[in-house]
Amino acid sequence: MYKQAAQAYQKASQVAVSPRELEANLLMKAAARLQLIKEEWESASFAEKDEALTYNRKLWTVLVTSATSKDSQLPQDVKNNLASLAVFIFKHTLTVLSDANPDKLTTLITINRNIAEGLRARPEQG
């Protein structure tokens, strides 16, 4: 009974989350996965590293595609900045894989966390 109630609550809470909060949560999840890979770099397999980086890349692909679509109500300069940031993330991901340097993950982790914090910030009412 408890398990069913917990599952029902989890489903309901997922439905009630705003798109911004969902995006922030996904970015934090990606950052946490990258952080874990960074901390366990020596023992992590290539497949585990690739999986964490692929998850992050796919997440950013979805985010930037949505944010830059013609239906997006974001200002054009924000769309351009997000597109540029996504290109940087994609290139940096390749650098991480080719250089095999765990410290390079810090950049991706920091970007994800900062964007998530921005998404969670409440705009000031003016």
C-alpha atoms as a PDB file:
ATOM      1  CA  MET A   1       0.000   0.000   0.000  1.00  0.00           C
ATOM      2  CA  TYR A   2       2.769   2.429   0.956  1.00  0.00           C
ATOM      3  CA  LYS A   3       4.661   1.706  -2.264  1.00  0.00           C
ATOM      4  CA  GLN A   4       1.564   2.440  -4.363  1.00  0.00           C
ATOM      5  CA  ALA A   5       0.987   5.702  -2.521  1.00  0.00           C
ATOM      6  CA  ALA A   6       4.601   6.735  -2.975  1.00  0.00           C
ATOM      7  CA  GLN A   7       4.440   5.963  -6.684  1.00  0.00           C
ATOM      8  CA  ALA A   8       1.199   7.921  -7.046  1.00  0.00           C
ATOM      9  CA  TYR A   9       2.739  10.898  -5.246  1.00  0.00           C
ATOM     10  CA  GLN A  10       5.828  10.742  -7.441  1.00  0.00           C
ATOM     11  CA  LYS A  11       3.732  10.709 -10.609  1.00  0.00           C
ATOM     12  CA  ALA A  12       1.590  13.588  -9.373  1.00  0.00           C
ATOM     13  CA  SER A  13       4.617  15.655  -8.386  1.00  0.00           C
ATOM     14  CA  GLN A  14       6.142  15.142 -11.841  1.00  0.00           C
ATOM     15  CA  VAL A  15       2.971  16.409 -13.472  1.00  0.00           C
ATOM     16  CA  ALA A  16       2.830  19.458 -11.194  1.00  0.00           C
ATOM     17  CA  VAL A  17       6.392  20.580 -11.945  1.00  0.00           C
ATOM     18  CA  SER A  18       6.734  23.632 -14.184  1.00  0.00           C
ATOM     19  CA  PRO A  19       8.719  23.295 -17.406  1.00  0.00           C
ATOM     20  CA  ARG A  20      11.440  25.546 -15.969  1.00  0.00           C
ATOM     21  CA  GLU A  21      11.708  23.403 -12.846  1.00  0.00           C
ATOM     22  CA  LEU A  22      11.798  20.236 -14.940  1.00  0.00           C
ATOM     23  CA  GLU A  23      14.605  21.661 -17.074  1.00  0.00           C
ATOM     24  CA  ALA A  24      16.489  22.702 -13.942  1.00  0.00           C
ATOM     25  CA  ASN A  25      16.060  19.226 -12.448  1.00  0.00           C
ATOM     26  CA  LEU A  26      17.332  17.551 -15.615  1.00  0.00           C
ATOM     27  CA  LEU A  27      20.349  19.854 -15.778  1.00  0.00           C
ATOM     28  CA  MET A  28      21.151  19.073 -12.148  1.00  0.00           C
ATOM     29  CA  LYS A  29      20.788  15.356 -12.846  1.00  0.00           C
ATOM     30  CA  ALA A  30      23.224  15.648 -15.750  1.00  0.00           C
ATOM     31  CA  ALA A  31      25.623  17.676 -13.595  1.00  0.00           C
ATOM     32  CA  ALA A  32      25.459  15.038 -10.847  1.00  0.00           C
ATOM     33  CA  ARG A  33      26.205  12.249 -13.336  1.00  0.00           C
ATOM     34  CA  LEU A  34      29.169  14.190 -14.720  1.00  0.00           C
ATOM     35  CA  GLN A  35      30.402  14.934 -11.187  1.00  0.00           C
ATOM     36  CA  LEU A  36      30.292  11.236 -10.324  1.00  0.00           C
ATOM     37  CA  ILE A  37      32.262  10.362 -13.455  1.00  0.00           C
ATOM     38  CA  LYS A  38      34.798  13.075 -12.607  1.00  0.00           C
ATOM     39  CA  GLU A  39      35.240  11.701  -9.085  1.00  0.00           C
ATOM     40  CA  GLU A  40      35.515   8.093 -10.288  1.00  0.00           C
ATOM     41  CA  TRP A  41      37.417   8.807 -13.510  1.00  0.00           C
ATOM     42  CA  GLU A  42      40.111   6.187 -13.014  1.00  0.00           C
ATOM     43  CA  SER A  43      37.696   3.364 -12.215  1.00  0.00           C
ATOM     44  CA  ALA A  44      34.908   4.367 -14.630  1.00  0.00           C
ATOM     45  CA  SER A  45      34.769   2.539 -17.937  1.00  0.00           C
ATOM     46  CA  PHE A  46      34.764   4.372 -21.239  1.00  0.00           C
ATOM     47  CA  ALA A  47      31.130   3.311 -21.660  1.00  0.00           C
ATOM     48  CA  GLU A  48      30.165   4.924 -18.322  1.00  0.00           C
ATOM     49  CA  LYS A  49      31.957   8.143 -19.252  1.00  0.00           C
ATOM     50  CA  ASP A  50      30.387   8.145 -22.692  1.00  0.00           C
ATOM     51  CA  GLU A  51      26.925   7.486 -21.230  1.00  0.00           C
ATOM     52  CA  ALA A  52      27.137  10.486 -18.875  1.00  0.00           C
ATOM     53  CA  LEU A  53      28.444  12.744 -21.639  1.00  0.00           C
ATOM     54  CA  THR A  54      25.851  11.471 -24.123  1.00  0.00           C
ATOM     55  CA  TYR A  55      23.046  12.117 -21.630  1.00  0.00           C
ATOM     56  CA  ASN A  56      24.282  15.677 -21.187  1.00  0.00           C
ATOM     57  CA  ARG A  57      24.633  16.204 -24.941  1.00  0.00           C
ATOM     58  CA  LYS A  58      21.124  14.847 -25.621  1.00  0.00           C
ATOM     59  CA  LEU A  59      19.675  17.026 -22.873  1.00  0.00           C
ATOM     60  CA  TRP A  60      21.325  20.101 -24.352  1.00  0.00           C
ATOM     61  CA  THR A  61      20.120  19.138 -27.827  1.00  0.00           C
ATOM     62  CA  VAL A  62      16.534  19.050 -26.583  1.00  0.00           C
ATOM     63  CA  LEU A  63      16.904  22.250 -24.553  1.00  0.00           C
ATOM     64  CA  VAL A  64      18.457  24.294 -27.338  1.00  0.00           C
ATOM     65  CA  THR A  65      16.077  22.934 -29.984  1.00  0.00           C
ATOM     66  CA  SER A  66      13.112  23.913 -27.834  1.00  0.00           C
ATOM     67  CA  ALA A  67      14.544  27.285 -26.806  1.00  0.00           C
ATOM     68  CA  THR A  68      15.494  28.341 -30.333  1.00  0.00           C
ATOM     69  CA  SER A  69      12.375  27.130 -32.122  1.00  0.00           C
ATOM     70  CA  LYS A  70      10.202  29.698 -33.876  1.00  0.00           C
ATOM     71  CA  ASP A  71       7.486  28.951 -31.294  1.00  0.00           C
ATOM     72  CA  SER A  72       9.752  29.910 -28.413  1.00  0.00           C
ATOM     73  CA  GLN A  73       8.844  33.201 -26.780  1.00  0.00           C
ATOM     74  CA  LEU A  74      12.408  33.868 -25.657  1.00  0.00           C
ATOM     75  CA  PRO A  75      14.027  37.075 -26.919  1.00  0.00           C
ATOM     76  CA  GLN A  76      16.243  36.550 -29.975  1.00  0.00           C
ATOM     77  CA  ASP A  77      19.435  37.467 -28.087  1.00  0.00           C
ATOM     78  CA  VAL A  78      18.693  34.775 -25.482  1.00  0.00           C
ATOM     79  CA  LYS A  79      18.056  32.253 -28.247  1.00  0.00           C
ATOM     80  CA  ASN A  80      21.374  33.180 -29.876  1.00  0.00           C
ATOM     81  CA  ASN A  81      23.251  32.907 -26.578  1.00  0.00           C
ATOM     82  CA  LEU A  82      21.748  29.497 -25.818  1.00  0.00           C
ATOM     83  CA  ALA A  83      22.621  28.261 -29.294  1.00  0.00           C
ATOM     84  CA  SER A  84      26.216  29.456 -28.878  1.00  0.00           C
ATOM     85  CA  LEU A  85      26.431  27.860 -25.453  1.00  0.00           C
ATOM     86  CA  ALA A  86      25.118  24.568 -26.819  1.00  0.00           C
ATOM     87  CA  VAL A  87      27.729  24.589 -29.602  1.00  0.00           C
ATOM     88  CA  PHE A  88      30.408  25.180 -26.969  1.00  0.00           C
ATOM     89  CA  ILE A  89      29.057  22.300 -24.868  1.00  0.00           C
ATOM     90  CA  PHE A  90      29.059  19.932 -27.838  1.00  0.00           C
ATOM     91  CA  LYS A  91      32.642  20.855 -28.757  1.00  0.00           C
ATOM     92  CA  HIS A  92      33.804  20.665 -25.153  1.00  0.00           C
ATOM     93  CA  THR A  93      32.224  17.227 -24.782  1.00  0.00           C
ATOM     94  CA  LEU A  94      34.370  15.991 -27.669  1.00  0.00           C
ATOM     95  CA  THR A  95      37.427  17.526 -26.015  1.00  0.00           C
ATOM     96  CA  VAL A  96      36.694  15.670 -22.778  1.00  0.00           C
ATOM     97  CA  LEU A  97      36.452  12.378 -24.650  1.00  0.00           C
ATOM     98  CA  SER A  98      39.577  12.948 -26.727  1.00  0.00           C
ATOM     99  CA  ASP A  99      41.793  14.410 -23.985  1.00  0.00           C
ATOM    100  CA  ALA A 100      40.625  12.011 -21.265  1.00  0.00           C
ATOM    101  CA  ASN A 101      41.060  14.709 -18.624  1.00  0.00           C
ATOM    102  CA  PRO A 102      38.490  14.579 -15.800  1.00  0.00           C
ATOM    103  CA  ASP A 103      39.127  18.212 -14.856  1.00  0.00           C
ATOM    104  CA  LYS A 104      37.570  19.264 -18.161  1.00  0.00           C
ATOM    105  CA  LEU A 105      34.227  17.992 -16.838  1.00  0.00           C
ATOM    106  CA  THR A 106      34.188  20.886 -14.365  1.00  0.00           C
ATOM    107  CA  THR A 107      33.207  23.284 -17.139  1.00  0.00           C
ATOM    108  CA  LEU A 108      30.177  21.217 -18.149  1.00  0.00           C
ATOM    109  CA  ILE A 109      29.165  20.661 -14.525  1.00  0.00           C
ATOM    110  CA  THR A 110      29.403  24.369 -13.734  1.00  0.00           C
ATOM    111  CA  ILE A 111      27.408  25.412 -16.798  1.00  0.00           C
ATOM    112  CA  ASN A 112      24.618  22.939 -16.001  1.00  0.00           C
ATOM    113  CA  ARG A 113      24.437  24.026 -12.367  1.00  0.00           C
ATOM    114  CA  ASN A 114      24.449  27.727 -13.217  1.00  0.00           C
ATOM    115  CA  ILE A 115      21.739  27.390 -15.858  1.00  0.00           C
ATOM    116  CA  ALA A 116      19.657  25.289 -13.439  1.00  0.00           C
ATOM    117  CA  GLU A 117      20.009  27.967 -10.750  1.00  0.00           C
ATOM    118  CA  GLY A 118      18.919  30.602 -13.257  1.00  0.00           C
ATOM    119  CA  LEU A 119      15.887  28.556 -14.233  1.00  0.00           C
ATOM    120  CA  ARG A 120      14.906  28.184 -10.599  1.00  0.00           C
ATOM    121  CA  ALA A 121      15.281  31.892  -9.840  1.00  0.00           C
ATOM    122  CA  ARG A 122      12.019  33.755  -9.605  1.00  0.00           C
ATOM    123  CA  PRO A 123      11.837  36.773 -11.909  1.00  0.00           C
ATOM    124  CA  GLU A 124      11.345  39.978  -9.980  1.00  0.00           C
ATOM    125  CA  GLN A 125       7.837  41.352 -10.229  1.00  0.00           C
ATOM    126  CA  GLY A 126       8.001  44.914 -11.460  1.00  0.00           C
END
